[in-house]
Amino acid sequence: QHTGVPEPIYKAMASTYHYRLPYPLPLTAAPPASASRCRFPMASTAPLGVTVSTSESVGQNDLLIVGPGVLGRIVAEKWRQEHPDCKIYGQTATTDHHSELTKIGIIPSLKGPRVDQKVPYVIFCAPPYRTDDYPGDLRVAASNWSGEGSFLFTSSTAVYDCNDNGFCGEDSPCVPIGMSPRTDVLLKAENVVLEAGGCALRLAGLYISSQ
């Protein structure tokens, strides 16, 4: 089941042609339980944040990808196939790949709080090891979301407290806060997303033909 996840994004995650996910994709409702409702919801000048011209209307299927790397670009490809008239924005930490993003139809910008107009769909794919404040980055991403479509965070099954190679599902217990810096960051980020009305998707292993 993938209730709450837009179909193009689910296809990008689950397609065996592009990505092979060894386990089912769990939709998480990380603690607190009261927040468990899952909603789904140019390169040289490098603007900061989402910069939609005030004279340009935001489309109902416009998408912001925070961290448009391997997974984010596959999401963009699938999204474009489903919504050919949409605009796709990509926020990055540096300008290193902005020219590449422009060539594949993604409007690049540097991550930041500036928002001229909010977009209806946001997916956060950026890894935690490239920032000093991962939950803070999720708050900024949430501020770019209009609340109309969906806000999705790609988390990790690493948050589950499963060490016996047994079955893990979305109801399995999580690693307690304070036990692991890595899982602490992910769980705190998930809570930011849930508090904003978004959805955290805990992915297992991600594979493509070249990696």
C-alpha atoms as a PDB file:
ATOM      1  CA  GLN A   1       0.000   0.000   0.000  1.00  0.00           C
ATOM      2  CA  HIS A   2       1.188   3.525  -0.650  1.00  0.00           C
ATOM      3  CA  THR A   3      -1.760   5.619   0.453  1.00  0.00           C
ATOM      4  CA  GLY A   4      -0.758   9.264   0.590  1.00  0.00           C
ATOM      5  CA  VAL A   5       2.223   9.019  -1.767  1.00  0.00           C
ATOM      6  CA  PRO A   6       1.686  10.527  -5.243  1.00  0.00           C
ATOM      7  CA  GLU A   7       1.778   7.774  -7.866  1.00  0.00           C
ATOM      8  CA  PRO A   8       4.759   9.141  -9.873  1.00  0.00           C
ATOM      9  CA  ILE A   9       6.871   9.344  -6.719  1.00  0.00           C
ATOM     10  CA  TYR A  10       5.877   5.835  -5.677  1.00  0.00           C
ATOM     11  CA  LYS A  11       6.802   4.557  -9.141  1.00  0.00           C
ATOM     12  CA  ALA A  12      10.204   6.201  -8.868  1.00  0.00           C
ATOM     13  CA  MET A  13      10.775   4.503  -5.520  1.00  0.00           C
ATOM     14  CA  ALA A  14       9.398   1.078  -6.371  1.00  0.00           C
ATOM     15  CA  SER A  15      10.092   0.558 -10.075  1.00  0.00           C
ATOM     16  CA  THR A  16      12.274  -2.519 -10.480  1.00  0.00           C
ATOM     17  CA  TYR A  17      13.626  -1.082 -13.696  1.00  0.00           C
ATOM     18  CA  HIS A  18      15.206   1.938 -12.026  1.00  0.00           C
ATOM     19  CA  TYR A  19      15.250   1.053  -8.352  1.00  0.00           C
ATOM     20  CA  ARG A  20      15.166  -2.296  -6.591  1.00  0.00           C
ATOM     21  CA  LEU A  21      13.808  -2.088  -3.100  1.00  0.00           C
ATOM     22  CA  PRO A  22      14.449  -5.367  -1.264  1.00  0.00           C
ATOM     23  CA  TYR A  23      11.620  -4.750   1.208  1.00  0.00           C
ATOM     24  CA  PRO A  24       8.145  -3.206   0.938  1.00  0.00           C
ATOM     25  CA  LEU A  25       8.089   0.552   1.231  1.00  0.00           C
ATOM     26  CA  PRO A  26       6.816   1.370   4.741  1.00  0.00           C
ATOM     27  CA  LEU A  27       4.805   4.516   5.289  1.00  0.00           C
ATOM     28  CA  THR A  28       5.934   5.645   8.686  1.00  0.00           C
ATOM     29  CA  ALA A  29       4.052   7.285  11.460  1.00  0.00           C
ATOM     30  CA  ALA A  30       7.032   7.907  13.698  1.00  0.00           C
ATOM     31  CA  PRO A  31       6.444   8.878  17.336  1.00  0.00           C
ATOM     32  CA  PRO A  32       4.501  10.687  18.591  1.00  0.00           C
ATOM     33  CA  ALA A  33       1.504   8.513  17.720  1.00  0.00           C
ATOM     34  CA  SER A  34      -0.762  11.564  17.771  1.00  0.00           C
ATOM     35  CA  ALA A  35       1.090  12.801  14.698  1.00  0.00           C
ATOM     36  CA  SER A  36       0.665   9.568  12.765  1.00  0.00           C
ATOM     37  CA  ARG A  37      -1.686  10.894  10.091  1.00  0.00           C
ATOM     38  CA  CYS A  38       0.183  10.702   6.806  1.00  0.00           C
ATOM     39  CA  ARG A  39      -0.703  13.409   4.286  1.00  0.00           C
ATOM     40  CA  PHE A  40       0.519  13.630   0.849  1.00  0.00           C
ATOM     41  CA  PRO A  41       0.947  16.116   1.162  1.00  0.00           C
ATOM     42  CA  MET A  42      19.739  30.208 -13.483  1.00  0.00           C
ATOM     43  CA  ALA A  43      22.777  28.181 -12.495  1.00  0.00           C
ATOM     44  CA  SER A  44      25.236  31.083 -12.844  1.00  0.00           C
ATOM     45  CA  THR A  45      23.262  33.412 -10.587  1.00  0.00           C
ATOM     46  CA  ALA A  46      22.073  30.643  -8.232  1.00  0.00           C
ATOM     47  CA  PRO A  47      18.987  32.124  -6.530  1.00  0.00           C
ATOM     48  CA  LEU A  48      18.497  31.293  -2.876  1.00  0.00           C
ATOM     49  CA  GLY A  49      15.379  29.294  -2.101  1.00  0.00           C
ATOM     50  CA  VAL A  50      12.364  28.819  -4.347  1.00  0.00           C
ATOM     51  CA  THR A  51      12.024  31.822  -6.632  1.00  0.00           C
ATOM     52  CA  VAL A  52       8.745  31.732  -8.509  1.00  0.00           C
ATOM     53  CA  SER A  53       8.087  35.001 -10.263  1.00  0.00           C
ATOM     54  CA  THR A  54       5.190  36.889  -8.718  1.00  0.00           C
ATOM     55  CA  SER A  55       3.798  37.302 -12.236  1.00  0.00           C
ATOM     56  CA  GLU A  56       3.967  33.535 -12.779  1.00  0.00           C
ATOM     57  CA  SER A  57       1.220  31.381 -11.334  1.00  0.00           C
ATOM     58  CA  VAL A  58       2.096  28.235  -9.428  1.00  0.00           C
ATOM     59  CA  GLY A  59       0.746  25.130 -11.136  1.00  0.00           C
ATOM     60  CA  GLN A  60      -1.294  22.572  -9.220  1.00  0.00           C
ATOM     61  CA  ASN A  61       1.344  19.905  -9.963  1.00  0.00           C
ATOM     62  CA  ASP A  62       4.513  21.953  -9.505  1.00  0.00           C
ATOM     63  CA  LEU A  63       7.163  20.068  -7.547  1.00  0.00           C
ATOM     64  CA  LEU A  64      10.150  21.055  -5.409  1.00  0.00           C
ATOM     65  CA  ILE A  65      12.884  18.453  -4.945  1.00  0.00           C
ATOM     66  CA  VAL A  66      15.286  19.235  -2.110  1.00  0.00           C
ATOM     67  CA  GLY A  67      18.419  17.266  -2.911  1.00  0.00           C
ATOM     68  CA  PRO A  68      17.896  16.335  -6.599  1.00  0.00           C
ATOM     69  CA  GLY A  69      20.565  13.629  -6.738  1.00  0.00           C
ATOM     70  CA  VAL A  70      20.148  10.134  -8.184  1.00  0.00           C
ATOM     71  CA  LEU A  71      16.789   9.443  -6.543  1.00  0.00           C
ATOM     72  CA  GLY A  72      15.542  13.007  -6.947  1.00  0.00           C
ATOM     73  CA  ARG A  73      16.250  12.989 -10.674  1.00  0.00           C
ATOM     74  CA  ILE A  74      14.365   9.729 -11.136  1.00  0.00           C
ATOM     75  CA  VAL A  75      11.445  11.263  -9.253  1.00  0.00           C
ATOM     76  CA  ALA A  76      11.637  14.284 -11.577  1.00  0.00           C
ATOM     77  CA  GLU A  77      11.576  12.034 -14.638  1.00  0.00           C
ATOM     78  CA  LYS A  78       8.542  10.090 -13.429  1.00  0.00           C
ATOM     79  CA  TRP A  79       6.765  13.266 -12.313  1.00  0.00           C
ATOM     80  CA  ARG A  80       7.326  14.908 -15.692  1.00  0.00           C
ATOM     81  CA  GLN A  81       5.856  11.892 -17.461  1.00  0.00           C
ATOM     82  CA  GLU A  82       2.682  12.177 -15.384  1.00  0.00           C
ATOM     83  CA  HIS A  83       2.534  15.987 -15.407  1.00  0.00           C
ATOM     84  CA  PRO A  84       4.210  17.266 -18.602  1.00  0.00           C
ATOM     85  CA  ASP A  85       3.147  20.882 -18.051  1.00  0.00           C
ATOM     86  CA  CYS A  86       4.431  21.187 -14.495  1.00  0.00           C
ATOM     87  CA  LYS A  87       7.471  23.079 -13.248  1.00  0.00           C
ATOM     88  CA  ILE A  88      10.066  21.162 -11.248  1.00  0.00           C
ATOM     89  CA  TYR A  89      12.406  23.013  -8.910  1.00  0.00           C
ATOM     90  CA  GLY A  90      15.561  21.584  -7.402  1.00  0.00           C
ATOM     91  CA  GLN A  91      17.322  22.912  -4.303  1.00  0.00           C
ATOM     92  CA  THR A  92      20.974  22.028  -3.773  1.00  0.00           C
ATOM     93  CA  ALA A  93      23.726  22.819  -1.282  1.00  0.00           C
ATOM     94  CA  THR A  94      26.124  24.005  -4.021  1.00  0.00           C
ATOM     95  CA  THR A  95      25.957  25.127  -7.638  1.00  0.00           C
ATOM     96  CA  ASP A  96      28.154  22.243  -8.830  1.00  0.00           C
ATOM     97  CA  HIS A  97      25.398  20.440 -10.744  1.00  0.00           C
ATOM     98  CA  HIS A  98      23.085  23.297 -11.659  1.00  0.00           C
ATOM     99  CA  SER A  99      23.918  23.130 -15.365  1.00  0.00           C
ATOM    100  CA  GLU A 100      23.083  19.406 -15.380  1.00  0.00           C
ATOM    101  CA  LEU A 101      19.762  20.052 -13.661  1.00  0.00           C
ATOM    102  CA  THR A 102      18.867  22.776 -16.133  1.00  0.00           C
ATOM    103  CA  LYS A 103      19.524  20.414 -19.048  1.00  0.00           C
ATOM    104  CA  ILE A 104      17.026  17.873 -17.707  1.00  0.00           C
ATOM    105  CA  GLY A 105      14.342  20.458 -17.046  1.00  0.00           C
ATOM    106  CA  ILE A 106      14.849  21.087 -13.330  1.00  0.00           C
ATOM    107  CA  ILE A 107      14.984  24.747 -12.262  1.00  0.00           C
ATOM    108  CA  PRO A 108      17.940  24.915  -9.827  1.00  0.00           C
ATOM    109  CA  SER A 109      18.504  27.077  -6.779  1.00  0.00           C
ATOM    110  CA  LEU A 110      20.543  26.997  -3.597  1.00  0.00           C
ATOM    111  CA  LYS A 111      18.737  25.833  -0.484  1.00  0.00           C
ATOM    112  CA  GLY A 112      17.561  28.683   1.669  1.00  0.00           C
ATOM    113  CA  PRO A 113      14.572  30.263   3.375  1.00  0.00           C
ATOM    114  CA  ARG A 114      13.611  32.723   0.650  1.00  0.00           C
ATOM    115  CA  VAL A 115      10.243  31.813  -0.846  1.00  0.00           C
ATOM    116  CA  ASP A 116       8.433  34.041  -3.338  1.00  0.00           C
ATOM    117  CA  GLN A 117       5.578  31.569  -3.777  1.00  0.00           C
ATOM    118  CA  LYS A 118       5.032  28.170  -2.193  1.00  0.00           C
ATOM    119  CA  VAL A 119       4.598  24.974  -4.190  1.00  0.00           C
ATOM    120  CA  PRO A 120       2.013  22.194  -3.684  1.00  0.00           C
ATOM    121  CA  TYR A 121       4.422  19.240  -3.780  1.00  0.00           C
ATOM    122  CA  VAL A 122       7.737  18.947  -1.947  1.00  0.00           C
ATOM    123  CA  ILE A 123       9.994  15.909  -1.658  1.00  0.00           C
ATOM    124  CA  PHE A 124      13.089  16.044   0.545  1.00  0.00           C
ATOM    125  CA  CYS A 125      15.821  13.633  -0.638  1.00  0.00           C
ATOM    126  CA  ALA A 126      18.936  15.359   0.717  1.00  0.00           C
ATOM    127  CA  PRO A 127      21.181  13.197   2.950  1.00  0.00           C
ATOM    128  CA  PRO A 128      21.869  14.205   6.570  1.00  0.00           C
ATOM    129  CA  TYR A 129      25.660  14.121   6.373  1.00  0.00           C
ATOM    130  CA  ARG A 130      25.944  17.322   4.333  1.00  0.00           C
ATOM    131  CA  THR A 131      24.430  19.665   6.895  1.00  0.00           C
ATOM    132  CA  ASP A 132      24.876  20.694  10.510  1.00  0.00           C
ATOM    133  CA  ASP A 133      21.132  21.075  11.126  1.00  0.00           C
ATOM    134  CA  TYR A 134      19.132  18.402   9.332  1.00  0.00           C
ATOM    135  CA  PRO A 135      15.846  18.985  11.208  1.00  0.00           C
ATOM    136  CA  GLY A 136      16.293  22.699  10.513  1.00  0.00           C
ATOM    137  CA  ASP A 137      16.640  21.977   6.801  1.00  0.00           C
ATOM    138  CA  LEU A 138      13.355  20.062   6.962  1.00  0.00           C
ATOM    139  CA  ARG A 139      11.683  23.080   8.584  1.00  0.00           C
ATOM    140  CA  VAL A 140      12.911  25.266   5.734  1.00  0.00           C
ATOM    141  CA  ALA A 141      11.597  22.752   3.201  1.00  0.00           C
ATOM    142  CA  ALA A 142       8.242  22.693   4.984  1.00  0.00           C
ATOM    143  CA  SER A 143       8.099  26.480   4.705  1.00  0.00           C
ATOM    144  CA  ASN A 144       8.292  26.062   0.911  1.00  0.00           C
ATOM    145  CA  TRP A 145       5.193  23.841   0.911  1.00  0.00           C
ATOM    146  CA  SER A 146       1.754  25.343   0.330  1.00  0.00           C
ATOM    147  CA  GLY A 147       0.047  22.528   2.238  1.00  0.00           C
ATOM    148  CA  GLU A 148      -2.186  21.693  -0.718  1.00  0.00           C
ATOM    149  CA  GLY A 149      -0.541  18.605  -2.216  1.00  0.00           C
ATOM    150  CA  SER A 150       2.018  16.672  -0.219  1.00  0.00           C
ATOM    151  CA  PHE A 151       5.309  16.957   1.616  1.00  0.00           C
ATOM    152  CA  LEU A 152       7.405  13.774   1.559  1.00  0.00           C
ATOM    153  CA  PHE A 153      10.645  13.061   3.418  1.00  0.00           C
ATOM    154  CA  THR A 154      12.760  10.077   2.374  1.00  0.00           C
ATOM    155  CA  SER A 155      13.979   8.677   5.668  1.00  0.00           C
ATOM    156  CA  SER A 156      15.630   5.306   6.339  1.00  0.00           C
ATOM    157  CA  THR A 157      14.819   1.923   7.859  1.00  0.00           C
ATOM    158  CA  ALA A 158      17.945   2.485   9.969  1.00  0.00           C
ATOM    159  CA  VAL A 159      15.648   4.027  12.588  1.00  0.00           C
ATOM    160  CA  TYR A 160      14.182   0.606  13.438  1.00  0.00           C
ATOM    161  CA  ASP A 161      15.582  -1.161  16.478  1.00  0.00           C
ATOM    162  CA  CYS A 162      16.027  -4.477  14.642  1.00  0.00           C
ATOM    163  CA  ASN A 163      19.366  -6.236  15.047  1.00  0.00           C
ATOM    164  CA  ASP A 164      18.458  -9.897  14.513  1.00  0.00           C
ATOM    165  CA  ASN A 165      17.993  -9.806  10.721  1.00  0.00           C
ATOM    166  CA  GLY A 166      14.311 -10.515  11.298  1.00  0.00           C
ATOM    167  CA  PHE A 167      11.239  -8.870   9.789  1.00  0.00           C
ATOM    168  CA  CYS A 168      10.839  -5.137  10.308  1.00  0.00           C
ATOM    169  CA  GLY A 169       7.587  -3.303   9.660  1.00  0.00           C
ATOM    170  CA  GLU A 170       6.429   0.256  10.210  1.00  0.00           C
ATOM    171  CA  ASP A 171       5.045  -0.748  13.610  1.00  0.00           C
ATOM    172  CA  SER A 172       8.407  -2.105  14.773  1.00  0.00           C
ATOM    173  CA  PRO A 173      10.056  -0.172  17.625  1.00  0.00           C
ATOM    174  CA  CYS A 174      12.528   2.574  16.803  1.00  0.00           C
ATOM    175  CA  VAL A 175      15.997   3.051  18.215  1.00  0.00           C
ATOM    176  CA  PRO A 176      15.554   5.060  21.443  1.00  0.00           C
ATOM    177  CA  ILE A 177      16.589   8.704  21.275  1.00  0.00           C
ATOM    178  CA  GLY A 178      20.097   9.080  22.659  1.00  0.00           C
ATOM    179  CA  MET A 179      21.308   5.648  21.562  1.00  0.00           C
ATOM    180  CA  SER A 180      22.642   6.629  18.130  1.00  0.00           C
ATOM    181  CA  PRO A 181      23.486  10.073  16.701  1.00  0.00           C
ATOM    182  CA  ARG A 182      22.564   8.855  13.213  1.00  0.00           C
ATOM    183  CA  THR A 183      19.079   7.670  14.121  1.00  0.00           C
ATOM    184  CA  ASP A 184      18.539  10.639  16.450  1.00  0.00           C
ATOM    185  CA  VAL A 185      18.925  12.980  13.477  1.00  0.00           C
ATOM    186  CA  LEU A 186      16.534  10.968  11.316  1.00  0.00           C
ATOM    187  CA  LEU A 187      13.847  10.629  13.982  1.00  0.00           C
ATOM    188  CA  LYS A 188      13.989  14.330  14.835  1.00  0.00           C
ATOM    189  CA  ALA A 189      13.704  15.143  11.134  1.00  0.00           C
ATOM    190  CA  GLU A 190      10.717  12.800  10.786  1.00  0.00           C
ATOM    191  CA  ASN A 191       8.954  14.537  13.656  1.00  0.00           C
ATOM    192  CA  VAL A 192       9.460  17.910  11.950  1.00  0.00           C
ATOM    193  CA  VAL A 193       7.804  16.516   8.830  1.00  0.00           C
ATOM    194  CA  LEU A 194       4.895  14.959  10.708  1.00  0.00           C
ATOM    195  CA  GLU A 195       4.289  18.140  12.683  1.00  0.00           C
ATOM    196  CA  ALA A 196       4.098  20.012   9.370  1.00  0.00           C
ATOM    197  CA  GLY A 197       1.469  17.562   8.085  1.00  0.00           C
ATOM    198  CA  GLY A 198       3.828  15.674   5.803  1.00  0.00           C
ATOM    199  CA  CYS A 199       4.818  12.046   5.366  1.00  0.00           C
ATOM    200  CA  ALA A 200       8.059  10.194   6.168  1.00  0.00           C
ATOM    201  CA  LEU A 201       8.919   7.279   3.904  1.00  0.00           C
ATOM    202  CA  ARG A 202      11.495   4.909   5.418  1.00  0.00           C
ATOM    203  CA  LEU A 203      13.470   3.400   2.576  1.00  0.00           C
ATOM    204  CA  ALA A 204      15.608   0.270   2.857  1.00  0.00           C
ATOM    205  CA  GLY A 205      18.305  -0.291   0.215  1.00  0.00           C
ATOM    206  CA  LEU A 206      18.313   1.814  -2.939  1.00  0.00           C
ATOM    207  CA  TYR A 207      19.972   0.370  -6.019  1.00  0.00           C
ATOM    208  CA  ILE A 208      20.380   1.319  -9.668  1.00  0.00           C
ATOM    209  CA  SER A 209      22.309  -0.485 -12.385  1.00  0.00           C
ATOM    210  CA  SER A 210      25.444   1.617 -11.910  1.00  0.00           C
ATOM    211  CA  GLN A 211      25.496   1.728  -8.110  1.00  0.00           C
END
